[in-house]
Amino acid sequence: MPDLAPPARRPPDLGAFTRSALVGATASLSDLAVVAFAVGALHLSPRAANLPALLLGAAVQFVGNRLFAFRASAGALRRQLALFALAEAGALALNGALYHLVATALPLSVVGAVLARAATTNAVYVLYSYPLWRRVFRPAESAVRAAG
């Protein structure tokens, strides 16, 4: 008789989450540094600092999550990059829209711009990005079968 039970969900991996959070902190610091430099030193508006900060953060996230957080360097780079790019397109839209709303609604100083960026990107990371990255950087099915 065939097994009709739904496939088991992968249990959360606290180690991967912790490592990904560290990568996220590094990416956030990179992002925040761009915002602070652009607003403080270059005198750009917080809205103008938005896109370059997000792009640097995304690059740090991909490399750090692939190599360190999920230890997925043996995975297909093109597949991971394509799926990560799709996930990040959504995250970029969410981050950009959310930060834009805050930066438009509130008069932000340099500190306010940095705090607003930290709050908005962390919300998107926990609620959207990390759950998707678990799928992007998951082990290949053949490797899972061989290990277990």
C-alpha atoms as a PDB file:
ATOM      1  CA  MET A   1       0.000   0.000   0.000  1.00  0.00           C
ATOM      2  CA  PRO A   2       1.463   3.417  -0.930  1.00  0.00           C
ATOM      3  CA  ASP A   3       2.452   5.831   1.821  1.00  0.00           C
ATOM      4  CA  LEU A   4      -0.075   8.685   1.668  1.00  0.00           C
ATOM      5  CA  ALA A   5       1.448  10.714   4.476  1.00  0.00           C
ATOM      6  CA  PRO A   6       2.655  14.163   3.458  1.00  0.00           C
ATOM      7  CA  PRO A   7       6.419  14.528   3.180  1.00  0.00           C
ATOM      8  CA  ALA A   8       8.076  15.484   6.433  1.00  0.00           C
ATOM      9  CA  ARG A   9       9.070  19.105   6.744  1.00  0.00           C
ATOM     10  CA  ARG A  10      12.722  19.795   7.292  1.00  0.00           C
ATOM     11  CA  PRO A  11      13.241  20.643  10.950  1.00  0.00           C
ATOM     12  CA  PRO A  12      14.626  24.103  11.640  1.00  0.00           C
ATOM     13  CA  ASP A  13      18.405  24.151  11.776  1.00  0.00           C
ATOM     14  CA  LEU A  14      19.430  26.423  14.631  1.00  0.00           C
ATOM     15  CA  GLY A  15      23.045  26.414  13.483  1.00  0.00           C
ATOM     16  CA  ALA A  16      22.122  27.566   9.975  1.00  0.00           C
ATOM     17  CA  PHE A  17      19.813  30.239  11.377  1.00  0.00           C
ATOM     18  CA  THR A  18      22.532  31.503  13.714  1.00  0.00           C
ATOM     19  CA  ARG A  19      25.122  31.563  10.928  1.00  0.00           C
ATOM     20  CA  SER A  20      22.656  33.237   8.584  1.00  0.00           C
ATOM     21  CA  ALA A  21      21.886  35.809  11.263  1.00  0.00           C
ATOM     22  CA  LEU A  22      25.616  36.541  11.511  1.00  0.00           C
ATOM     23  CA  VAL A  23      25.785  36.914   7.740  1.00  0.00           C
ATOM     24  CA  GLY A  24      22.704  39.105   7.939  1.00  0.00           C
ATOM     25  CA  ALA A  25      24.360  41.265  10.581  1.00  0.00           C
ATOM     26  CA  THR A  26      27.408  41.654   8.350  1.00  0.00           C
ATOM     27  CA  ALA A  27      25.229  42.504   5.356  1.00  0.00           C
ATOM     28  CA  SER A  28      23.219  44.924   7.479  1.00  0.00           C
ATOM     29  CA  LEU A  29      26.367  46.646   8.710  1.00  0.00           C
ATOM     30  CA  SER A  30      27.528  46.958   5.091  1.00  0.00           C
ATOM     31  CA  ASP A  31      24.130  48.333   4.114  1.00  0.00           C
ATOM     32  CA  LEU A  32      24.041  50.743   7.059  1.00  0.00           C
ATOM     33  CA  ALA A  33      27.560  51.945   6.328  1.00  0.00           C
ATOM     34  CA  VAL A  34      26.529  52.830   2.785  1.00  0.00           C
ATOM     35  CA  VAL A  35      23.450  54.688   4.052  1.00  0.00           C
ATOM     36  CA  ALA A  36      25.481  56.536   6.701  1.00  0.00           C
ATOM     37  CA  PHE A  37      28.261  57.434   4.254  1.00  0.00           C
ATOM     38  CA  ALA A  38      25.885  58.486   1.489  1.00  0.00           C
ATOM     39  CA  VAL A  39      23.665  60.587   3.777  1.00  0.00           C
ATOM     40  CA  GLY A  40      26.399  61.905   6.084  1.00  0.00           C
ATOM     41  CA  ALA A  41      29.442  62.377   3.848  1.00  0.00           C
ATOM     42  CA  LEU A  42      27.928  62.676   0.384  1.00  0.00           C
ATOM     43  CA  HIS A  43      24.843  64.592   1.582  1.00  0.00           C
ATOM     44  CA  LEU A  44      22.501  62.412  -0.447  1.00  0.00           C
ATOM     45  CA  SER A  45      18.929  61.964   0.651  1.00  0.00           C
ATOM     46  CA  PRO A  46      18.099  58.760   2.517  1.00  0.00           C
ATOM     47  CA  ARG A  47      15.995  57.734  -0.512  1.00  0.00           C
ATOM     48  CA  ALA A  48      18.993  58.164  -2.857  1.00  0.00           C
ATOM     49  CA  ALA A  49      21.148  56.014  -0.547  1.00  0.00           C
ATOM     50  CA  ASN A  50      18.573  53.213  -0.665  1.00  0.00           C
ATOM     51  CA  LEU A  51      19.475  51.242  -3.812  1.00  0.00           C
ATOM     52  CA  PRO A  52      23.291  51.101  -3.529  1.00  0.00           C
ATOM     53  CA  ALA A  53      22.979  50.034   0.105  1.00  0.00           C
ATOM     54  CA  LEU A  54      20.524  47.266  -0.782  1.00  0.00           C
ATOM     55  CA  LEU A  55      22.681  45.965  -3.622  1.00  0.00           C
ATOM     56  CA  LEU A  56      25.799  45.679  -1.466  1.00  0.00           C
ATOM     57  CA  GLY A  57      23.780  43.957   1.260  1.00  0.00           C
ATOM     58  CA  ALA A  58      22.411  41.433  -1.259  1.00  0.00           C
ATOM     59  CA  ALA A  59      25.908  40.548  -2.506  1.00  0.00           C
ATOM     60  CA  VAL A  60      27.138  39.983   1.054  1.00  0.00           C
ATOM     61  CA  GLN A  61      24.041  37.857   1.775  1.00  0.00           C
ATOM     62  CA  PHE A  62      24.542  35.559  -1.218  1.00  0.00           C
ATOM     63  CA  VAL A  63      28.212  34.865  -0.651  1.00  0.00           C
ATOM     64  CA  GLY A  64      27.887  34.574   3.123  1.00  0.00           C
ATOM     65  CA  ASN A  65      24.801  32.364   3.079  1.00  0.00           C
ATOM     66  CA  ARG A  66      26.106  30.098   0.340  1.00  0.00           C
ATOM     67  CA  LEU A  67      29.567  29.578   1.800  1.00  0.00           C
ATOM     68  CA  PHE A  68      29.066  30.004   5.550  1.00  0.00           C
ATOM     69  CA  ALA A  69      25.459  29.870   6.748  1.00  0.00           C
ATOM     70  CA  PHE A  70      24.110  26.975   4.700  1.00  0.00           C
ATOM     71  CA  ARG A  71      27.460  25.502   3.661  1.00  0.00           C
ATOM     72  CA  ALA A  72      26.064  24.993   0.199  1.00  0.00           C
ATOM     73  CA  SER A  73      29.169  25.539  -1.920  1.00  0.00           C
ATOM     74  CA  ALA A  74      28.752  22.055  -3.412  1.00  0.00           C
ATOM     75  CA  GLY A  75      25.330  23.052  -4.750  1.00  0.00           C
ATOM     76  CA  ALA A  76      24.772  24.183  -8.308  1.00  0.00           C
ATOM     77  CA  LEU A  77      25.964  27.795  -8.359  1.00  0.00           C
ATOM     78  CA  ARG A  78      23.737  28.819 -11.282  1.00  0.00           C
ATOM     79  CA  ARG A  79      20.639  27.316  -9.671  1.00  0.00           C
ATOM     80  CA  GLN A  80      21.391  28.950  -6.330  1.00  0.00           C
ATOM     81  CA  LEU A  81      22.189  32.281  -7.928  1.00  0.00           C
ATOM     82  CA  ALA A  82      19.019  32.246 -10.028  1.00  0.00           C
ATOM     83  CA  LEU A  83      16.778  31.296  -7.088  1.00  0.00           C
ATOM     84  CA  PHE A  84      18.551  33.745  -4.794  1.00  0.00           C
ATOM     85  CA  ALA A  85      18.100  36.493  -7.393  1.00  0.00           C
ATOM     86  CA  LEU A  86      14.367  35.745  -7.561  1.00  0.00           C
ATOM     87  CA  ALA A  87      14.059  35.760  -3.775  1.00  0.00           C
ATOM     88  CA  GLU A  88      16.117  38.934  -3.563  1.00  0.00           C
ATOM     89  CA  ALA A  89      14.010  40.650  -6.213  1.00  0.00           C
ATOM     90  CA  GLY A  90      11.081  40.233  -3.857  1.00  0.00           C
ATOM     91  CA  ALA A  91      13.163  41.263  -0.847  1.00  0.00           C
ATOM     92  CA  LEU A  92      14.539  44.272  -2.734  1.00  0.00           C
ATOM     93  CA  ALA A  93      11.010  45.373  -3.587  1.00  0.00           C
ATOM     94  CA  LEU A  94       9.847  44.861   0.005  1.00  0.00           C
ATOM     95  CA  ASN A  95      12.909  46.570   1.504  1.00  0.00           C
ATOM     96  CA  GLY A  96      12.792  49.421  -0.962  1.00  0.00           C
ATOM     97  CA  ALA A  97       9.075  50.037  -0.539  1.00  0.00           C
ATOM     98  CA  LEU A  98       9.117  49.757   3.234  1.00  0.00           C
ATOM     99  CA  TYR A  99      12.153  52.015   3.674  1.00  0.00           C
ATOM    100  CA  HIS A 100      10.771  54.480   1.124  1.00  0.00           C
ATOM    101  CA  LEU A 101       7.515  54.702   3.092  1.00  0.00           C
ATOM    102  CA  VAL A 102       9.403  55.411   6.298  1.00  0.00           C
ATOM    103  CA  ALA A 103      11.860  57.853   4.675  1.00  0.00           C
ATOM    104  CA  THR A 104       8.999  59.695   3.002  1.00  0.00           C
ATOM    105  CA  ALA A 105       6.741  59.784   6.046  1.00  0.00           C
ATOM    106  CA  LEU A 106       9.347  60.876   8.575  1.00  0.00           C
ATOM    107  CA  PRO A 107      12.029  63.565   8.515  1.00  0.00           C
ATOM    108  CA  LEU A 108      15.104  61.408   9.070  1.00  0.00           C
ATOM    109  CA  SER A 109      18.472  62.556  10.326  1.00  0.00           C
ATOM    110  CA  VAL A 110      21.529  60.418   9.625  1.00  0.00           C
ATOM    111  CA  VAL A 111      20.846  58.406  12.785  1.00  0.00           C
ATOM    112  CA  GLY A 112      17.151  58.180  11.952  1.00  0.00           C
ATOM    113  CA  ALA A 113      17.930  56.961   8.428  1.00  0.00           C
ATOM    114  CA  VAL A 114      20.235  54.266   9.794  1.00  0.00           C
ATOM    115  CA  LEU A 115      17.724  53.151  12.447  1.00  0.00           C
ATOM    116  CA  ALA A 116      14.899  53.100   9.901  1.00  0.00           C
ATOM    117  CA  ARG A 117      17.039  50.999   7.562  1.00  0.00           C
ATOM    118  CA  ALA A 118      17.896  48.572  10.369  1.00  0.00           C
ATOM    119  CA  ALA A 119      14.267  48.118  11.389  1.00  0.00           C
ATOM    120  CA  THR A 120      12.891  47.654   7.889  1.00  0.00           C
ATOM    121  CA  THR A 121      15.577  45.294   6.597  1.00  0.00           C
ATOM    122  CA  ASN A 122      15.457  43.119   9.707  1.00  0.00           C
ATOM    123  CA  ALA A 123      11.697  42.705   9.408  1.00  0.00           C
ATOM    124  CA  VAL A 124      12.028  41.635   5.772  1.00  0.00           C
ATOM    125  CA  TYR A 125      14.925  39.275   6.623  1.00  0.00           C
ATOM    126  CA  VAL A 126      13.119  37.357   9.368  1.00  0.00           C
ATOM    127  CA  LEU A 127       9.704  37.199   7.744  1.00  0.00           C
ATOM    128  CA  TYR A 128      10.619  36.759   4.070  1.00  0.00           C
ATOM    129  CA  SER A 129      14.264  36.186   3.158  1.00  0.00           C
ATOM    130  CA  TYR A 130      15.461  33.527   5.598  1.00  0.00           C
ATOM    131  CA  PRO A 131      12.510  31.192   4.950  1.00  0.00           C
ATOM    132  CA  LEU A 132      13.173  31.390   1.209  1.00  0.00           C
ATOM    133  CA  TRP A 133      16.932  31.001   1.542  1.00  0.00           C
ATOM    134  CA  ARG A 134      16.431  27.716   3.384  1.00  0.00           C
ATOM    135  CA  ARG A 135      14.982  26.460   0.120  1.00  0.00           C
ATOM    136  CA  VAL A 136      17.513  28.145  -2.168  1.00  0.00           C
ATOM    137  CA  PHE A 137      20.490  26.688  -0.328  1.00  0.00           C
ATOM    138  CA  ARG A 138      18.985  23.346   0.662  1.00  0.00           C
ATOM    139  CA  PRO A 139      21.086  20.276  -0.022  1.00  0.00           C
ATOM    140  CA  ALA A 140      20.493  18.490  -3.298  1.00  0.00           C
ATOM    141  CA  GLU A 141      18.037  15.593  -2.949  1.00  0.00           C
ATOM    142  CA  SER A 142      20.705  13.020  -3.875  1.00  0.00           C
ATOM    143  CA  ALA A 143      23.028  14.319  -1.148  1.00  0.00           C
ATOM    144  CA  VAL A 144      20.227  14.176   1.425  1.00  0.00           C
ATOM    145  CA  ARG A 145      19.376  10.573   0.462  1.00  0.00           C
ATOM    146  CA  ALA A 146      23.043   9.536   0.606  1.00  0.00           C
ATOM    147  CA  ALA A 147      23.520  11.130   4.048  1.00  0.00           C
ATOM    148  CA  GLY A 148      20.381   9.818   5.606  1.00  0.00           C
END
